């Protein structure tokens, strides 16, 4: 009952995808606890736990983290135009 309440609260605070993916973190945590108690899982279990943690981390990265801001895009465009203008102007020789 408590777990259902906490999951519903997590859905309200984040999103359904993040809250449900958060439940999968129980698997890597169980592997860590098993290791500490002397019942070490097999190597493939550790690889699965790492994959779950990478997936959960990937879900939680904001989508605009890897996109350029509009100011950066304008600055890059202006810089590219300035370079293009410099290439078009030829130095005049003194004859």
N, C-alpha and C. Protein backbone atom coordinates (compact mmCIF):
# COMPACT_ATOMS: atom_id res chain seq x y z
N UNK A 1 0.81 -1.18 0.00
CA UNK A 1 0.00 0.00 0.00
C UNK A 1 0.86 1.25 0.00
N UNK A 2 1.90 1.27 0.83
CA UNK A 2 2.80 2.42 0.88
C UNK A 2 3.52 2.60 -0.45
N UNK A 3 3.93 1.49 -1.06
CA UNK A 3 4.65 1.60 -2.33
C UNK A 3 3.76 2.20 -3.42
N UNK A 4 2.47 1.85 -3.43
CA UNK A 4 1.55 2.43 -4.41
C UNK A 4 1.39 3.93 -4.19
N UNK A 5 1.30 4.34 -2.94
CA UNK A 5 1.17 5.76 -2.62
C UNK A 5 2.42 6.52 -3.06
N UNK A 6 3.59 5.97 -2.75
CA UNK A 6 4.84 6.63 -3.13
C UNK A 6 4.99 6.69 -4.65
N UNK A 7 4.57 5.64 -5.36
CA UNK A 7 4.64 5.67 -6.82
C UNK A 7 3.71 6.75 -7.37
N UNK A 8 2.49 6.86 -6.83
CA UNK A 8 1.55 7.89 -7.29
C UNK A 8 2.10 9.27 -7.00
N UNK A 9 2.73 9.45 -5.87
CA UNK A 9 3.35 10.75 -5.53
C UNK A 9 4.49 11.06 -6.51
N UNK A 10 5.28 10.05 -6.86
CA UNK A 10 6.37 10.24 -7.82
C UNK A 10 5.83 10.62 -9.19
N UNK A 11 4.70 10.03 -9.58
CA UNK A 11 4.07 10.37 -10.86
C UNK A 11 3.67 11.84 -10.87
N UNK A 12 3.14 12.32 -9.75
CA UNK A 12 2.74 13.72 -9.67
C UNK A 12 3.95 14.66 -9.71
N UNK A 13 5.05 14.24 -9.11
CA UNK A 13 6.24 15.10 -9.06
C UNK A 13 7.07 15.04 -10.33
N UNK A 14 7.03 13.94 -11.05
CA UNK A 14 7.83 13.81 -12.28
C UNK A 14 6.90 13.49 -13.44
N UNK A 15 7.04 12.31 -13.98
CA UNK A 15 6.15 11.84 -15.04
C UNK A 15 5.97 10.33 -14.86
N UNK A 16 5.01 9.78 -15.57
CA UNK A 16 4.76 8.34 -15.42
C UNK A 16 5.96 7.52 -15.88
N UNK A 17 6.64 7.98 -16.93
CA UNK A 17 7.80 7.24 -17.44
C UNK A 17 8.91 7.19 -16.42
N UNK A 18 9.23 8.35 -15.85
CA UNK A 18 10.33 8.42 -14.88
C UNK A 18 9.96 7.64 -13.62
N UNK A 19 8.74 7.76 -13.15
CA UNK A 19 8.33 7.05 -11.94
C UNK A 19 8.36 5.54 -12.14
N UNK A 20 7.90 5.07 -13.28
CA UNK A 20 7.91 3.63 -13.54
C UNK A 20 9.33 3.13 -13.74
N UNK A 21 10.15 3.90 -14.43
CA UNK A 21 11.55 3.51 -14.61
C UNK A 21 12.28 3.51 -13.27
N UNK A 22 11.85 4.38 -12.37
CA UNK A 22 12.45 4.41 -11.05
C UNK A 22 12.24 3.11 -10.30
N UNK A 23 11.15 2.42 -10.59
CA UNK A 23 10.90 1.13 -9.95
C UNK A 23 11.95 0.09 -10.35
N UNK A 24 12.51 0.24 -11.55
CA UNK A 24 13.50 -0.73 -12.02
C UNK A 24 14.82 -0.60 -11.29
N UNK A 25 15.02 0.49 -10.57
CA UNK A 25 16.26 0.65 -9.81
C UNK A 25 16.32 -0.36 -8.67
N UNK A 26 15.22 -0.98 -8.34
CA UNK A 26 15.22 -2.00 -7.30
C UNK A 26 16.14 -3.17 -7.67
N UNK A 27 16.27 -3.45 -8.95
CA UNK A 27 17.10 -4.58 -9.38
C UNK A 27 18.58 -4.32 -9.09
N UNK A 28 19.16 -3.18 -9.52
CA UNK A 28 20.56 -2.94 -9.18
C UNK A 28 20.79 -2.83 -7.67
N UNK A 29 19.84 -2.23 -6.96
CA UNK A 29 20.00 -2.13 -5.51
C UNK A 29 19.97 -3.50 -4.85
N UNK A 30 19.15 -4.40 -5.35
CA UNK A 30 19.11 -5.76 -4.82
C UNK A 30 20.43 -6.47 -5.07
N UNK A 31 21.05 -6.23 -6.22
CA UNK A 31 22.34 -6.84 -6.53
C UNK A 31 23.41 -6.34 -5.57
N UNK A 32 23.37 -5.05 -5.25
CA UNK A 32 24.34 -4.48 -4.31
C UNK A 32 24.14 -5.08 -2.92
N UNK A 33 22.89 -5.18 -2.48
CA UNK A 33 22.62 -5.75 -1.16
C UNK A 33 23.02 -7.22 -1.12
N UNK A 34 22.74 -7.95 -2.19
CA UNK A 34 23.15 -9.36 -2.24
C UNK A 34 24.67 -9.49 -2.16
N UNK A 35 25.39 -8.60 -2.80
CA UNK A 35 26.85 -8.63 -2.74
C UNK A 35 27.33 -8.39 -1.32
N UNK A 36 26.71 -7.44 -0.65
CA UNK A 36 27.12 -7.11 0.72
C UNK A 36 26.78 -8.22 1.71
N UNK A 37 25.74 -8.98 1.44
CA UNK A 37 25.35 -10.05 2.34
C UNK A 37 26.04 -11.38 2.04
N UNK A 38 26.86 -11.42 1.00
CA UNK A 38 27.62 -12.62 0.70
C UNK A 38 27.03 -13.48 -0.39
N UNK A 39 25.93 -13.10 -0.98
CA UNK A 39 25.32 -13.86 -2.08
C UNK A 39 25.55 -13.11 -3.39
N UNK A 40 26.80 -13.08 -3.80
CA UNK A 40 27.16 -12.28 -4.97
C UNK A 40 26.49 -12.80 -6.23
N UNK A 41 25.84 -11.90 -6.99
CA UNK A 41 25.24 -12.30 -8.27
C UNK A 41 26.31 -12.61 -9.30
N UNK A 42 25.87 -13.20 -10.41
CA UNK A 42 26.79 -13.52 -11.50
C UNK A 42 27.16 -12.25 -12.25
N UNK A 43 28.17 -12.34 -13.10
CA UNK A 43 28.68 -11.21 -13.87
C UNK A 43 27.60 -10.60 -14.76
N UNK A 44 26.80 -11.43 -15.41
CA UNK A 44 25.75 -10.93 -16.30
C UNK A 44 24.70 -10.12 -15.53
N UNK A 45 24.49 -10.47 -14.27
CA UNK A 45 23.55 -9.69 -13.44
C UNK A 45 24.08 -8.28 -13.22
N UNK A 46 25.38 -8.15 -13.04
CA UNK A 46 25.98 -6.83 -12.88
C UNK A 46 25.85 -6.02 -14.17
N UNK A 47 26.05 -6.67 -15.31
CA UNK A 47 25.90 -5.97 -16.59
C UNK A 47 24.47 -5.48 -16.78
N UNK A 48 23.51 -6.30 -16.41
CA UNK A 48 22.11 -5.90 -16.48
C UNK A 48 21.82 -4.72 -15.57
N UNK A 49 22.39 -4.74 -14.37
CA UNK A 49 22.20 -3.64 -13.42
C UNK A 49 22.79 -2.35 -13.96
N UNK A 50 23.94 -2.44 -14.60
CA UNK A 50 24.56 -1.26 -15.20
C UNK A 50 23.69 -0.72 -16.33
N UNK A 51 23.14 -1.59 -17.14
CA UNK A 51 22.26 -1.16 -18.23
C UNK A 51 21.01 -0.46 -17.69
N UNK A 52 20.45 -0.98 -16.62
CA UNK A 52 19.28 -0.35 -16.01
C UNK A 52 19.63 1.04 -15.49
N UNK A 53 20.76 1.18 -14.83
CA UNK A 53 21.17 2.48 -14.29
C UNK A 53 21.44 3.49 -15.40
N UNK A 54 22.06 3.05 -16.50
CA UNK A 54 22.31 3.95 -17.63
C UNK A 54 20.99 4.39 -18.24
N UNK A 55 20.06 3.47 -18.39
CA UNK A 55 18.75 3.82 -18.94
C UNK A 55 18.00 4.80 -18.06
N UNK A 56 18.03 4.57 -16.76
CA UNK A 56 17.35 5.48 -15.84
C UNK A 56 17.98 6.86 -15.87
N UNK A 57 19.30 6.91 -15.94
CA UNK A 57 19.99 8.20 -16.02
C UNK A 57 19.63 8.90 -17.33
N UNK A 58 19.57 8.16 -18.42
CA UNK A 58 19.22 8.76 -19.71
C UNK A 58 17.82 9.33 -19.74
N UNK A 59 16.90 8.69 -19.06
CA UNK A 59 15.52 9.19 -19.01
C UNK A 59 15.45 10.49 -18.23
N UNK A 60 16.28 10.64 -17.22
CA UNK A 60 16.21 11.81 -16.35
C UNK A 60 16.97 13.02 -16.86
N UNK A 61 17.74 12.87 -17.92
CA UNK A 61 18.43 14.03 -18.49
C UNK A 61 17.41 14.87 -19.24
N UNK A 62 17.33 16.18 -18.93
CA UNK A 62 16.36 17.03 -19.63
C UNK A 62 16.61 17.05 -21.13
N UNK A 63 15.54 17.12 -21.91
CA UNK A 63 15.67 17.03 -23.36
C UNK A 63 16.41 18.21 -23.95
N UNK A 64 16.40 19.37 -23.30
CA UNK A 64 17.07 20.54 -23.87
C UNK A 64 18.54 20.62 -23.47
N UNK A 65 19.04 19.63 -22.77
CA UNK A 65 20.44 19.64 -22.35
C UNK A 65 21.38 19.59 -23.55
N UNK A 66 21.04 18.79 -24.54
CA UNK A 66 21.93 18.61 -25.69
C UNK A 66 21.57 19.49 -26.88
N UNK A 67 20.54 20.29 -26.77
CA UNK A 67 20.17 21.17 -27.87
C UNK A 67 20.77 22.55 -27.64
N UNK A 68 21.03 23.24 -28.72
CA UNK A 68 21.59 24.58 -28.63
C UNK A 68 20.51 25.56 -28.23
N UNK A 69 20.90 26.53 -27.43
CA UNK A 69 19.95 27.59 -27.11
C UNK A 69 19.83 28.51 -28.32
N UNK A 70 18.78 29.29 -28.39
CA UNK A 70 18.57 30.16 -29.54
C UNK A 70 19.65 31.23 -29.61
N UNK A 71 20.13 31.71 -28.45
CA UNK A 71 21.19 32.71 -28.45
C UNK A 71 22.48 32.14 -29.03
N UNK A 72 22.80 30.92 -28.67
CA UNK A 72 24.01 30.28 -29.20
C UNK A 72 23.90 30.09 -30.70
N UNK A 73 22.73 29.69 -31.18
CA UNK A 73 22.54 29.49 -32.60
C UNK A 73 22.70 30.80 -33.36
N UNK A 74 22.18 31.90 -32.82
CA UNK A 74 22.32 33.21 -33.47
C UNK A 74 23.77 33.64 -33.49
N UNK A 75 24.49 33.43 -32.37
CA UNK A 75 25.90 33.79 -32.32
C UNK A 75 26.72 33.00 -33.34
N UNK A 76 26.46 31.71 -33.45
CA UNK A 76 27.18 30.89 -34.41
C UNK A 76 26.88 31.33 -35.84
N UNK A 77 25.64 31.67 -36.12
CA UNK A 77 25.27 32.13 -37.46
C UNK A 77 25.97 33.45 -37.79
N UNK A 78 26.01 34.39 -36.84
CA UNK A 78 26.70 35.66 -37.05
C UNK A 78 28.19 35.46 -37.27
N UNK A 79 28.77 34.54 -36.51
CA UNK A 79 30.19 34.26 -36.68
C UNK A 79 30.47 33.67 -38.05
N UNK A 80 29.60 32.78 -38.49
CA UNK A 80 29.77 32.18 -39.82
C UNK A 80 29.64 33.22 -40.92
N UNK A 81 28.70 34.16 -40.75
CA UNK A 81 28.54 35.23 -41.74
C UNK A 81 29.75 36.14 -41.76
N UNK A 82 30.32 36.44 -40.60
CA UNK A 82 31.51 37.29 -40.55
C UNK A 82 32.69 36.62 -41.24
N UNK A 83 32.84 35.34 -41.04
CA UNK A 83 33.93 34.60 -41.70
C UNK A 83 33.70 34.60 -43.21
N UNK A 84 32.45 34.42 -43.63
CA UNK A 84 32.14 34.44 -45.06
C UNK A 84 32.42 35.79 -45.68
N UNK A 85 32.13 36.88 -44.96
CA UNK A 85 32.40 38.22 -45.47
C UNK A 85 33.89 38.49 -45.57
N UNK A 86 34.67 37.99 -44.62
CA UNK A 86 36.12 38.15 -44.66
C UNK A 86 36.72 37.41 -45.85
N UNK A 87 36.18 36.28 -46.19
CA UNK A 87 36.68 35.51 -47.33
C UNK A 87 36.35 36.21 -48.64
N UNK A 88 35.26 36.96 -48.69
CA UNK A 88 34.85 37.62 -49.92
C UNK A 88 35.62 38.92 -50.18
N UNK A 89 36.14 39.54 -49.15
CA UNK A 89 36.90 40.77 -49.37
C UNK A 89 38.34 40.42 -49.68
N UNK A 90 38.80 40.94 -50.81
CA UNK A 90 40.17 40.67 -51.25
C UNK A 90 41.03 41.88 -50.89
N UNK A 91 42.23 41.62 -50.42
CA UNK A 91 43.14 42.77 -50.12
C UNK A 91 43.53 43.44 -51.43
N UNK A 92 43.55 44.76 -51.43
CA UNK A 92 43.93 45.50 -52.62
C UNK A 92 45.45 45.70 -52.66
N UNK A 93 45.97 45.43 -53.79
CA UNK A 93 47.43 45.58 -53.92
C UNK A 93 47.75 47.03 -54.23
N UNK A 94 48.88 47.46 -53.80
CA UNK A 94 49.30 48.85 -53.99
C UNK A 94 50.19 48.92 -55.22
N UNK A 95 49.64 49.21 -56.39
CA UNK A 95 50.40 49.32 -57.65
C UNK A 95 50.40 50.73 -58.14
